[in-house]
């Protein structure tokens, strides 16, 4: 059994993928599995992934873009048995191993927590839920978790068979709640977003801020709930 199985979802951006994997190797438990899931990249990503020949690395090359929901579900279904599972976009960057140690501490101390999400971006809007503290760590109980989330095995197994549609934002917390697990988000940036560098461009950041207003986020939240309900009725 692995300590953690990391599902890295890829769609182009090969330089990001290389840096993500390199940082993971330096800042993960020795007993880690990496599952790369490529959603139809056309920039050389698939050739590079296929060149990795390691016993603890799996490479899944999808024939078409299954989007975040389909890609992550595929990764979870093909991952080996592990104590926890991490959903990670290929723009993630691991600065240290606290992402694993901190999240596992919450799993051990709170049996009802099924997802520990990471605050990945320094520009990410703060969620309105009340801040709490555990052993000096800031966190919030929330339904706003997406990529860069550590999952209990029970939640990972459920998501692998029940995650549908295109996106995972917010939906994974709703699914976890269905099997009686809460989701929290750590407020420190334990896993960083390489694409943050794009937000140093004032014009880009202005567009980002305009798009992700609180009103838009809430509308998107409820729209995805409706999509999830329709999927579950099928």
Protein backbone atom coordinates (compact mmCIF):
# COMPACT_ATOMS: atom_id res chain seq x y z
CA UNK A 1 0.00 0.00 0.00
CA UNK A 2 1.23 3.48 -0.87
CA UNK A 3 1.23 6.35 1.60
CA UNK A 4 -0.38 8.51 -1.06
CA UNK A 5 -1.38 8.22 -4.69
CA UNK A 6 -1.13 11.53 -6.55
CA UNK A 7 -3.35 11.96 -9.61
CA UNK A 8 -1.86 14.66 -11.85
CA UNK A 9 -4.28 15.82 -14.53
CA UNK A 10 -2.56 17.11 -17.67
CA UNK A 11 -3.72 19.08 -20.66
CA UNK A 12 -0.80 20.66 -22.53
CA UNK A 13 1.51 23.03 -20.55
CA UNK A 14 4.37 20.52 -20.56
CA UNK A 15 6.82 22.87 -18.75
CA UNK A 16 4.31 23.10 -15.87
CA UNK A 17 3.93 19.32 -15.78
CA UNK A 18 7.70 18.79 -15.58
CA UNK A 19 8.10 21.30 -12.74
CA UNK A 20 5.10 19.84 -10.92
CA UNK A 21 6.53 16.32 -11.04
CA UNK A 22 10.04 17.45 -10.12
CA UNK A 23 8.74 19.32 -7.07
CA UNK A 24 6.58 16.36 -6.08
CA UNK A 25 9.57 14.01 -6.12
CA UNK A 26 11.40 16.31 -3.73
CA UNK A 27 8.48 16.90 -1.38
CA UNK A 28 6.43 13.73 -1.04
CA UNK A 29 6.64 10.57 1.07
CA UNK A 30 9.09 7.99 -0.25
CA UNK A 31 6.22 5.56 -0.72
CA UNK A 32 4.24 7.62 -3.26
CA UNK A 33 2.48 6.60 -6.45
CA UNK A 34 2.02 9.10 -9.28
CA UNK A 35 -0.82 8.65 -11.75
CA UNK A 36 -0.61 10.94 -14.78
CA UNK A 37 -3.86 11.36 -16.67
CA UNK A 38 -3.53 13.17 -19.99
CA UNK A 39 -6.65 14.67 -21.53
CA UNK A 40 -5.44 14.80 -25.13
CA UNK A 41 -2.41 17.10 -25.04
CA UNK A 42 -0.83 18.08 -28.37
CA UNK A 43 2.37 19.80 -27.15
CA UNK A 44 4.64 16.81 -26.56
CA UNK A 45 3.22 16.00 -23.13
CA UNK A 46 2.13 12.51 -24.14
CA UNK A 47 5.58 11.57 -25.49
CA UNK A 48 7.25 12.86 -22.31
CA UNK A 49 4.84 11.00 -20.06
CA UNK A 50 5.34 7.79 -22.04
CA UNK A 51 9.10 8.09 -21.52
CA UNK A 52 8.74 7.78 -17.72
CA UNK A 53 9.49 4.18 -16.83
CA UNK A 54 9.07 3.77 -13.09
CA UNK A 55 7.28 1.13 -11.05
CA UNK A 56 5.43 3.74 -9.00
CA UNK A 57 4.28 5.78 -12.01
CA UNK A 58 1.18 5.09 -14.09
CA UNK A 59 0.40 6.96 -17.30
CA UNK A 60 -3.13 7.10 -18.71
CA UNK A 61 -3.51 8.66 -22.17
CA UNK A 62 -7.14 9.49 -22.84
CA UNK A 63 -8.24 9.44 -26.48
CA UNK A 64 -10.16 12.67 -25.93
CA UNK A 65 -10.50 15.46 -23.39
CA UNK A 66 -12.57 14.09 -20.51
CA UNK A 67 -12.27 17.42 -18.67
CA UNK A 68 -11.41 17.63 -14.95
CA UNK A 69 -14.27 15.45 -13.75
CA UNK A 70 -13.73 12.60 -16.20
CA UNK A 71 -9.95 12.81 -16.02
CA UNK A 72 -9.79 12.71 -12.23
CA UNK A 73 -12.38 9.95 -12.01
CA UNK A 74 -10.30 7.89 -14.45
CA UNK A 75 -7.18 8.48 -12.36
CA UNK A 76 -8.91 7.46 -9.14
CA UNK A 77 -10.29 4.28 -10.68
CA UNK A 78 -6.83 3.27 -11.89
CA UNK A 79 -4.83 4.28 -8.81
CA UNK A 80 -3.36 1.63 -6.51
CA UNK A 81 -4.40 1.11 -2.91
CA UNK A 82 -3.17 4.02 -0.77
CA UNK A 83 -3.75 5.69 2.59
CA UNK A 84 -4.85 8.87 0.81
CA UNK A 85 -5.27 10.26 -2.70
CA UNK A 86 -4.36 13.70 -3.99
CA UNK A 87 -6.07 15.41 -6.91
CA UNK A 88 -3.54 17.75 -8.51
CA UNK A 89 -3.60 19.84 -11.68
CA UNK A 90 -0.34 19.93 -13.62
CA UNK A 91 0.26 23.57 -12.65
CA UNK A 92 0.77 22.59 -9.01
CA UNK A 93 4.11 23.16 -7.30
CA UNK A 94 5.12 21.48 -4.04
CA UNK A 95 7.33 23.73 -1.91
CA UNK A 96 7.70 21.23 0.96
CA UNK A 97 6.08 18.09 2.35
CA UNK A 98 3.75 19.91 4.75
CA UNK A 99 0.87 19.44 2.29
CA UNK A 100 0.87 15.73 3.15
CA UNK A 101 1.75 15.91 6.85
CA UNK A 102 -0.81 18.63 7.60
CA UNK A 103 -3.65 17.03 5.66
CA UNK A 104 -3.03 13.60 7.18
CA UNK A 105 -3.07 15.18 10.64
CA UNK A 106 -6.62 16.39 9.98
CA UNK A 107 -7.66 12.94 8.77
CA UNK A 108 -6.26 11.36 11.92
CA UNK A 109 -7.74 13.94 14.31
CA UNK A 110 -11.14 14.32 12.58
CA UNK A 111 -12.66 11.02 11.43
CA UNK A 112 -15.56 12.87 9.79
CA UNK A 113 -13.29 14.90 7.46
CA UNK A 114 -13.09 13.25 4.05
CA UNK A 115 -11.49 15.97 1.93
CA UNK A 116 -8.70 18.37 2.85
CA UNK A 117 -8.43 21.06 0.18
CA UNK A 118 -5.46 23.37 -0.22
CA UNK A 119 -5.55 27.12 -0.73
CA UNK A 120 -3.50 27.01 -3.91
CA UNK A 121 -3.36 30.59 -5.13
CA UNK A 122 -2.29 33.78 -3.44
CA UNK A 123 -5.00 35.54 -5.45
CA UNK A 124 -7.72 33.07 -4.52
CA UNK A 125 -10.77 34.73 -2.97
CA UNK A 126 -11.40 33.90 0.66
CA UNK A 127 -14.46 31.78 1.22
CA UNK A 128 -17.10 33.30 3.53
CA UNK A 129 -17.12 30.38 5.96
CA UNK A 130 -15.83 31.11 9.45
CA UNK A 131 -12.14 30.51 10.12
CA UNK A 132 -11.24 27.81 12.62
CA UNK A 133 -7.95 26.64 14.12
CA UNK A 134 -6.53 23.22 14.92
CA UNK A 135 -3.05 22.95 16.43
CA UNK A 136 -2.31 26.41 15.12
CA UNK A 137 -3.43 25.62 11.55
CA UNK A 138 -6.05 27.88 9.93
CA UNK A 139 -8.84 26.06 8.12
CA UNK A 140 -12.47 26.40 7.10
CA UNK A 141 -15.22 23.85 6.84
CA UNK A 142 -16.45 24.47 3.32
CA UNK A 143 -18.01 23.11 0.16
CA UNK A 144 -15.53 25.05 -1.96
CA UNK A 145 -12.80 22.56 -2.71
CA UNK A 146 -11.57 21.45 -6.10
CA UNK A 147 -8.12 20.52 -7.36
CA UNK A 148 -5.22 20.19 -4.90
CA UNK A 149 -7.38 18.17 -2.50
CA UNK A 150 -6.36 15.17 -0.41
CA UNK A 151 -9.04 12.46 -0.18
CA UNK A 152 -9.72 9.65 2.25
CA UNK A 153 -9.76 6.26 0.52
CA UNK A 154 -13.53 5.95 1.06
CA UNK A 155 -14.12 9.31 -0.62
CA UNK A 156 -11.66 8.56 -3.42
CA UNK A 157 -13.44 5.29 -4.22
CA UNK A 158 -16.83 7.01 -4.24
CA UNK A 159 -15.63 9.85 -6.48
CA UNK A 160 -14.09 7.38 -8.91
CA UNK A 161 -17.52 5.95 -9.67
CA UNK A 162 -19.82 8.95 -9.05
CA UNK A 163 -17.92 11.95 -10.43
CA UNK A 164 -19.55 12.92 -13.74
CA UNK A 165 -19.96 15.95 -15.97
CA UNK A 166 -17.03 18.22 -16.84
CA UNK A 167 -15.89 19.99 -13.68
CA UNK A 168 -14.97 19.04 -10.13
CA UNK A 169 -15.21 22.47 -8.50
CA UNK A 170 -17.44 22.23 -5.42
CA UNK A 171 -18.98 18.96 -6.65
CA UNK A 172 -16.48 16.72 -4.88
CA UNK A 173 -17.46 18.21 -1.51
CA UNK A 174 -21.13 17.60 -2.27
CA UNK A 175 -20.39 13.98 -3.15
CA UNK A 176 -18.34 13.50 0.00
CA UNK A 177 -21.23 14.87 2.06
CA UNK A 178 -23.50 12.22 0.55
CA UNK A 179 -21.43 9.55 2.30
CA UNK A 180 -21.27 11.58 5.52
CA UNK A 181 -17.85 13.21 5.19
CA UNK A 182 -17.09 16.90 5.65
CA UNK A 183 -14.68 18.94 3.57
CA UNK A 184 -12.26 21.54 4.84
CA UNK A 185 -9.83 23.92 3.19
CA UNK A 186 -6.47 24.84 4.61
CA UNK A 187 -5.80 28.55 4.33
CA UNK A 188 -2.04 28.37 3.89
CA UNK A 189 -0.71 27.76 0.39
CA UNK A 190 0.65 24.26 0.95
CA UNK A 191 0.59 23.60 -2.79
CA UNK A 192 1.25 26.61 -5.02
CA UNK A 193 -0.18 27.41 -8.44
CA UNK A 194 2.51 27.93 -11.07
CA UNK A 195 0.09 29.95 -13.19
CA UNK A 196 0.02 32.59 -10.45
CA UNK A 197 2.80 34.24 -12.39
CA UNK A 198 0.24 35.16 -15.05
CA UNK A 199 -1.60 37.20 -12.44
CA UNK A 200 1.38 39.51 -12.08
CA UNK A 201 0.12 41.03 -15.32
CA UNK A 202 -2.31 43.79 -14.16
CA UNK A 203 -4.52 43.40 -17.24
CA UNK A 204 -4.88 39.66 -16.72
CA UNK A 205 -5.55 40.06 -13.02
CA UNK A 206 -8.26 42.66 -13.70
CA UNK A 207 -10.01 40.20 -16.00
CA UNK A 208 -9.65 37.47 -13.38
CA UNK A 209 -11.11 39.64 -10.63
CA UNK A 210 -14.03 40.62 -12.85
CA UNK A 211 -14.78 37.00 -13.71
CA UNK A 212 -14.54 35.57 -10.21
CA UNK A 213 -16.74 37.96 -8.30
CA UNK A 214 -18.58 36.43 -5.38
CA UNK A 215 -21.84 36.61 -7.32
CA UNK A 216 -20.35 34.67 -10.20
CA UNK A 217 -18.89 32.06 -7.87
CA UNK A 218 -22.23 31.48 -6.18
CA UNK A 219 -24.09 31.28 -9.48
CA UNK A 220 -21.54 28.76 -10.74
CA UNK A 221 -21.85 26.82 -7.49
CA UNK A 222 -25.61 26.39 -7.79
CA UNK A 223 -25.43 25.73 -11.53
CA UNK A 224 -23.09 22.82 -10.86
CA UNK A 225 -25.35 21.47 -8.13
CA UNK A 226 -28.16 21.37 -10.68
CA UNK A 227 -25.89 19.55 -13.15
CA UNK A 228 -24.94 17.05 -10.45
CA UNK A 229 -28.59 16.41 -9.56
CA UNK A 230 -29.44 15.81 -13.22
CA UNK A 231 -26.53 13.37 -13.51
CA UNK A 232 -27.67 11.46 -10.43
CA UNK A 233 -31.19 11.11 -11.84
CA UNK A 234 -29.95 9.24 -14.90
